[in-house]
Amino acid sequence: MNGTIMVTYKILCKADLNKEIQLKELLASEKIMKLIKSEFAKGHRNIDIISEDANAIIKIETIKELHSFEVDKNDFADILVLAEEDASAKKLIKKDCDRVELIDIETI
């Protein structure tokens, strides 16, 4: 196979936050409801907040910088190892930040 692959990855750390919350769980919080009402319905009384999809997921995660590199298509099976090597070469791997997550694999 001829061509290359553009690989995008991010470095994961032990202290990273990665949490998913259902909308119904969020709206069950009295503090959140009060905050929404005070921000979007100032001066109004007897207001209820209703959601059509209470099972919607809200993600809270640490913002990470994305890193990219290019490899030959023949190296597809080794992309994760190559991403780890690229991160090591760029000195991105540190004590508590030693894992790599592949974000995107795009053929060029």
Protein backbone atom coordinates (compact mmCIF):
# COMPACT_ATOMS: atom_id res chain seq x y z
CA MET A 1 0.00 0.00 0.00
CA ASN A 2 1.24 3.44 -0.89
CA GLY A 3 0.45 6.54 1.12
CA THR A 4 0.60 7.78 4.65
CA ILE A 5 -1.58 8.06 7.73
CA MET A 6 -1.90 11.18 9.90
CA VAL A 7 -2.25 10.11 13.53
CA THR A 8 -3.54 12.47 16.23
CA TYR A 9 -3.19 11.61 19.92
CA LYS A 10 -3.24 13.13 23.38
CA ILE A 11 -1.33 12.36 26.56
CA LEU A 12 -3.36 11.10 29.52
CA CYS A 13 -2.43 11.84 33.13
CA LYS A 14 -3.52 10.18 36.37
CA ALA A 15 -5.02 13.46 37.67
CA ASP A 16 -7.17 14.03 34.55
CA LEU A 17 -10.89 14.44 35.04
CA ASN A 18 -13.17 12.41 32.79
CA LYS A 19 -16.75 12.20 34.04
CA GLU A 20 -20.13 11.71 32.38
CA ILE A 21 -23.33 12.99 33.97
CA GLN A 22 -26.87 12.40 32.77
CA LEU A 23 -28.93 15.56 32.32
CA LYS A 24 -31.62 14.27 34.72
CA GLU A 25 -28.95 13.84 37.41
CA LEU A 26 -27.72 17.38 36.81
CA LEU A 27 -31.24 18.83 36.92
CA ALA A 28 -31.93 16.96 40.16
CA SER A 29 -29.46 19.25 41.92
CA GLU A 30 -31.23 22.11 43.65
CA LYS A 31 -28.13 24.32 43.32
CA ILE A 32 -27.96 23.77 39.55
CA MET A 33 -31.68 24.48 39.11
CA LYS A 34 -31.40 27.71 41.12
CA LEU A 35 -28.35 28.79 39.09
CA ILE A 36 -30.09 28.12 35.75
CA LYS A 37 -33.20 30.02 36.84
CA SER A 38 -31.20 33.00 38.11
CA GLU A 39 -29.13 33.15 34.90
CA PHE A 40 -31.83 32.61 32.27
CA ALA A 41 -35.10 33.63 33.97
CA LYS A 42 -34.27 36.67 36.11
CA GLY A 43 -37.33 38.34 37.59
CA HIS A 44 -39.69 35.46 36.80
CA ARG A 45 -41.46 33.31 39.38
CA ASN A 46 -43.06 29.87 39.38
CA ILE A 47 -40.77 28.49 36.66
CA ASP A 48 -40.05 24.86 35.94
CA ILE A 49 -37.19 23.49 33.84
CA ILE A 50 -38.19 20.63 31.55
CA SER A 51 -35.99 18.50 29.28
CA GLU A 52 -37.18 16.37 26.38
CA ASP A 53 -34.17 14.05 26.65
CA ALA A 54 -33.33 13.62 30.32
CA ASN A 55 -30.93 10.79 29.41
CA ALA A 56 -28.63 13.15 27.48
CA ILE A 57 -25.04 12.88 28.62
CA ILE A 58 -22.87 15.82 29.64
CA LYS A 59 -19.13 15.18 29.69
CA ILE A 60 -16.70 16.94 32.00
CA GLU A 61 -13.11 16.30 31.01
CA THR A 62 -9.67 17.85 31.19
CA ILE A 63 -8.74 19.85 28.10
CA LYS A 64 -5.70 18.30 26.46
CA GLU A 65 -3.35 19.42 23.73
CA LEU A 66 -3.50 17.26 20.60
CA HIS A 67 -0.30 16.04 18.94
CA SER A 68 0.08 14.66 15.41
CA PHE A 69 2.57 12.70 13.37
CA GLU A 70 2.62 10.96 10.02
CA VAL A 71 3.39 7.28 9.35
CA ASP A 72 3.44 4.97 6.36
CA LYS A 73 0.23 2.97 5.73
CA ASN A 74 2.24 -0.24 6.17
CA ASP A 75 2.74 0.69 9.85
CA PHE A 76 -1.01 0.75 10.62
CA ALA A 77 -0.80 -2.20 13.05
CA ASP A 78 1.87 -0.39 15.10
CA ILE A 79 0.20 3.03 15.34
CA LEU A 80 -0.22 2.98 19.13
CA VAL A 81 3.42 1.99 19.70
CA LEU A 82 4.54 4.65 17.21
CA ALA A 83 2.40 7.26 18.98
CA GLU A 84 4.05 6.35 22.29
CA GLU A 85 7.48 6.61 20.66
CA ASP A 86 6.57 10.00 19.14
CA ALA A 87 5.43 11.25 22.55
CA SER A 88 8.67 10.04 24.13
CA ALA A 89 10.75 11.69 21.41
CA LYS A 90 8.90 14.98 21.98
CA LYS A 91 9.43 14.56 25.76
CA LEU A 92 5.69 14.60 26.44
CA ILE A 93 5.78 11.49 28.66
CA LYS A 94 6.28 12.41 32.31
CA LYS A 95 5.91 10.71 35.69
CA ASP A 96 2.11 10.91 36.06
CA CYS A 97 1.40 11.50 32.35
CA ASP A 98 2.50 8.29 30.74
CA ARG A 99 -0.43 7.05 28.62
CA VAL A 100 -1.37 7.85 25.03
CA GLU A 101 -4.92 7.96 23.66
CA LEU A 102 -5.43 7.85 19.90
CA ILE A 103 -7.90 10.53 18.81
CA ASP A 104 -7.90 10.36 15.02
CA ILE A 105 -6.41 8.21 12.27
CA GLU A 106 -6.71 9.77 8.82
CA THR A 107 -5.37 8.40 5.55
CA ILE A 108 -3.65 10.89 3.29
